[in-house]
């Protein structure tokens, strides 16, 4: 954690979700936990922080994205997981 805090100039915010321990540090979302729980997170290519999650999901879907996991609450806001038209799987997080 200290490496990422120094790199970003941010302090880590730690939380747990779905059996995984997470830390948000600047633009990075780091995770650790049991293999089974981590595998659910590891399939995501990146986490995208958006200012309006509803709009981001609507625009992505209109552009051909498939909703893998609909918008749901988390300890640090809300999230959705989408498979973009080119095949990449991305978590979108925001208020």
C-alpha atoms as a PDB file:
ATOM      1  CA  UNK A   1       0.000   0.000   0.000  1.00  0.00           C
ATOM      2  CA  UNK A   2       2.749   2.523   0.804  1.00  0.00           C
ATOM      3  CA  UNK A   3       4.073   2.262  -2.776  1.00  0.00           C
ATOM      4  CA  UNK A   4       0.715   3.260  -4.275  1.00  0.00           C
ATOM      5  CA  UNK A   5       0.118   5.981  -1.694  1.00  0.00           C
ATOM      6  CA  UNK A   6       3.506   7.510  -2.522  1.00  0.00           C
ATOM      7  CA  UNK A   7       2.952   7.090  -6.274  1.00  0.00           C
ATOM      8  CA  UNK A   8      -0.453   8.789  -6.250  1.00  0.00           C
ATOM      9  CA  UNK A   9      -0.100  11.152  -3.292  1.00  0.00           C
ATOM     10  CA  UNK A  10      -3.353   9.643  -1.973  1.00  0.00           C
ATOM     11  CA  UNK A  11      -4.251   7.804   1.203  1.00  0.00           C
ATOM     12  CA  UNK A  12      -5.707   4.316   0.793  1.00  0.00           C
ATOM     13  CA  UNK A  13      -9.359   3.758   1.615  1.00  0.00           C
ATOM     14  CA  UNK A  14      -9.856   0.145   2.664  1.00  0.00           C
ATOM     15  CA  UNK A  15     -13.100  -1.820   2.561  1.00  0.00           C
ATOM     16  CA  UNK A  16     -14.434  -5.339   1.987  1.00  0.00           C
ATOM     17  CA  UNK A  17     -16.949  -6.486  -0.603  1.00  0.00           C
ATOM     18  CA  UNK A  18     -18.126  -9.964  -1.664  1.00  0.00           C
ATOM     19  CA  UNK A  19     -15.414 -11.719   0.343  1.00  0.00           C
ATOM     20  CA  UNK A  20     -12.574  -9.603  -1.072  1.00  0.00           C
ATOM     21  CA  UNK A  21     -10.481  -7.027   0.805  1.00  0.00           C
ATOM     22  CA  UNK A  22     -10.067  -3.919  -1.337  1.00  0.00           C
ATOM     23  CA  UNK A  23      -8.150  -0.663  -1.168  1.00  0.00           C
ATOM     24  CA  UNK A  24      -8.816   2.383  -3.304  1.00  0.00           C
ATOM     25  CA  UNK A  25      -5.654   4.463  -3.803  1.00  0.00           C
ATOM     26  CA  UNK A  26      -5.980   7.271  -6.332  1.00  0.00           C
ATOM     27  CA  UNK A  27      -6.930   5.591  -9.638  1.00  0.00           C
ATOM     28  CA  UNK A  28      -5.926   2.108  -8.383  1.00  0.00           C
ATOM     29  CA  UNK A  29      -8.246  -0.494  -6.886  1.00  0.00           C
ATOM     30  CA  UNK A  30      -6.194  -3.208  -5.196  1.00  0.00           C
ATOM     31  CA  UNK A  31      -7.683  -6.477  -3.957  1.00  0.00           C
ATOM     32  CA  UNK A  32      -6.792  -9.590  -1.964  1.00  0.00           C
ATOM     33  CA  UNK A  33      -8.640 -12.550  -0.510  1.00  0.00           C
ATOM     34  CA  UNK A  34      -9.407 -16.235  -0.973  1.00  0.00           C
ATOM     35  CA  UNK A  35      -8.828 -17.557  -4.505  1.00  0.00           C
ATOM     36  CA  UNK A  36     -12.530 -18.157  -5.207  1.00  0.00           C
ATOM     37  CA  UNK A  37     -13.528 -14.603  -4.236  1.00  0.00           C
ATOM     38  CA  UNK A  38     -10.554 -13.011  -6.020  1.00  0.00           C
ATOM     39  CA  UNK A  39     -11.346 -14.854  -9.272  1.00  0.00           C
ATOM     40  CA  UNK A  40     -14.662 -12.982  -9.454  1.00  0.00           C
ATOM     41  CA  UNK A  41     -12.720  -9.693  -9.345  1.00  0.00           C
ATOM     42  CA  UNK A  42      -9.784 -10.793 -11.514  1.00  0.00           C
ATOM     43  CA  UNK A  43     -11.948 -11.231 -14.616  1.00  0.00           C
ATOM     44  CA  UNK A  44     -12.382  -7.455 -14.785  1.00  0.00           C
ATOM     45  CA  UNK A  45      -9.787  -5.744 -17.013  1.00  0.00           C
ATOM     46  CA  UNK A  46     -10.047  -2.409 -15.203  1.00  0.00           C
ATOM     47  CA  UNK A  47     -12.183  -0.359 -12.867  1.00  0.00           C
ATOM     48  CA  UNK A  48     -13.428   2.924 -14.290  1.00  0.00           C
ATOM     49  CA  UNK A  49     -14.451   5.709 -11.888  1.00  0.00           C
ATOM     50  CA  UNK A  50     -17.290   7.703 -13.466  1.00  0.00           C
ATOM     51  CA  UNK A  51     -19.088  10.827 -12.278  1.00  0.00           C
ATOM     52  CA  UNK A  52     -22.552   9.515 -13.236  1.00  0.00           C
ATOM     53  CA  UNK A  53     -22.887   5.740 -13.150  1.00  0.00           C
ATOM     54  CA  UNK A  54     -26.418   5.632 -14.581  1.00  0.00           C
ATOM     55  CA  UNK A  55     -25.406   7.688 -17.632  1.00  0.00           C
ATOM     56  CA  UNK A  56     -22.166   5.736 -18.125  1.00  0.00           C
ATOM     57  CA  UNK A  57     -24.034   2.412 -18.147  1.00  0.00           C
ATOM     58  CA  UNK A  58     -26.731   3.733 -20.502  1.00  0.00           C
ATOM     59  CA  UNK A  59     -24.136   5.128 -22.932  1.00  0.00           C
ATOM     60  CA  UNK A  60     -22.048   1.961 -22.846  1.00  0.00           C
ATOM     61  CA  UNK A  61     -25.118  -0.198 -23.469  1.00  0.00           C
ATOM     62  CA  UNK A  62     -26.170   2.051 -26.365  1.00  0.00           C
ATOM     63  CA  UNK A  63     -22.671   1.543 -27.778  1.00  0.00           C
ATOM     64  CA  UNK A  64     -23.048  -2.234 -27.762  1.00  0.00           C
ATOM     65  CA  UNK A  65     -21.921  -3.141 -24.233  1.00  0.00           C
ATOM     66  CA  UNK A  66     -23.533  -6.064 -22.439  1.00  0.00           C
ATOM     67  CA  UNK A  67     -24.428  -5.712 -18.765  1.00  0.00           C
ATOM     68  CA  UNK A  68     -22.687  -8.541 -16.910  1.00  0.00           C
ATOM     69  CA  UNK A  69     -23.728  -7.269 -13.472  1.00  0.00           C
ATOM     70  CA  UNK A  70     -26.337  -4.509 -13.121  1.00  0.00           C
ATOM     71  CA  UNK A  71     -25.842  -1.456 -10.926  1.00  0.00           C
ATOM     72  CA  UNK A  72     -25.671  -2.399  -7.261  1.00  0.00           C
ATOM     73  CA  UNK A  73     -24.626  -0.681  -4.025  1.00  0.00           C
ATOM     74  CA  UNK A  74     -21.155  -1.246  -2.544  1.00  0.00           C
ATOM     75  CA  UNK A  75     -19.406   0.092   0.566  1.00  0.00           C
ATOM     76  CA  UNK A  76     -17.800   2.870  -1.522  1.00  0.00           C
ATOM     77  CA  UNK A  77     -20.635   3.866  -3.870  1.00  0.00           C
ATOM     78  CA  UNK A  78     -22.313   1.867  -6.622  1.00  0.00           C
ATOM     79  CA  UNK A  79     -20.934  -0.434  -9.310  1.00  0.00           C
ATOM     80  CA  UNK A  80     -21.830  -2.236 -12.513  1.00  0.00           C
ATOM     81  CA  UNK A  81     -19.810  -4.645 -14.637  1.00  0.00           C
ATOM     82  CA  UNK A  82     -20.067  -4.433 -18.429  1.00  0.00           C
ATOM     83  CA  UNK A  83     -18.577  -6.326 -21.374  1.00  0.00           C
ATOM     84  CA  UNK A  84     -17.810  -3.601 -23.883  1.00  0.00           C
ATOM     85  CA  UNK A  85     -18.500  -4.140 -27.585  1.00  0.00           C
ATOM     86  CA  UNK A  86     -14.835  -5.053 -28.240  1.00  0.00           C
ATOM     87  CA  UNK A  87     -14.984  -7.788 -25.541  1.00  0.00           C
ATOM     88  CA  UNK A  88     -13.201  -6.131 -22.602  1.00  0.00           C
ATOM     89  CA  UNK A  89     -14.889  -6.516 -19.221  1.00  0.00           C
ATOM     90  CA  UNK A  90     -14.863  -3.357 -17.113  1.00  0.00           C
ATOM     91  CA  UNK A  91     -16.222  -2.455 -13.699  1.00  0.00           C
ATOM     92  CA  UNK A  92     -17.768   1.011 -13.613  1.00  0.00           C
ATOM     93  CA  UNK A  93     -17.992   2.677 -10.195  1.00  0.00           C
ATOM     94  CA  UNK A  94     -19.557   5.948  -9.186  1.00  0.00           C
ATOM     95  CA  UNK A  95     -22.179   7.680  -7.145  1.00  0.00           C
END
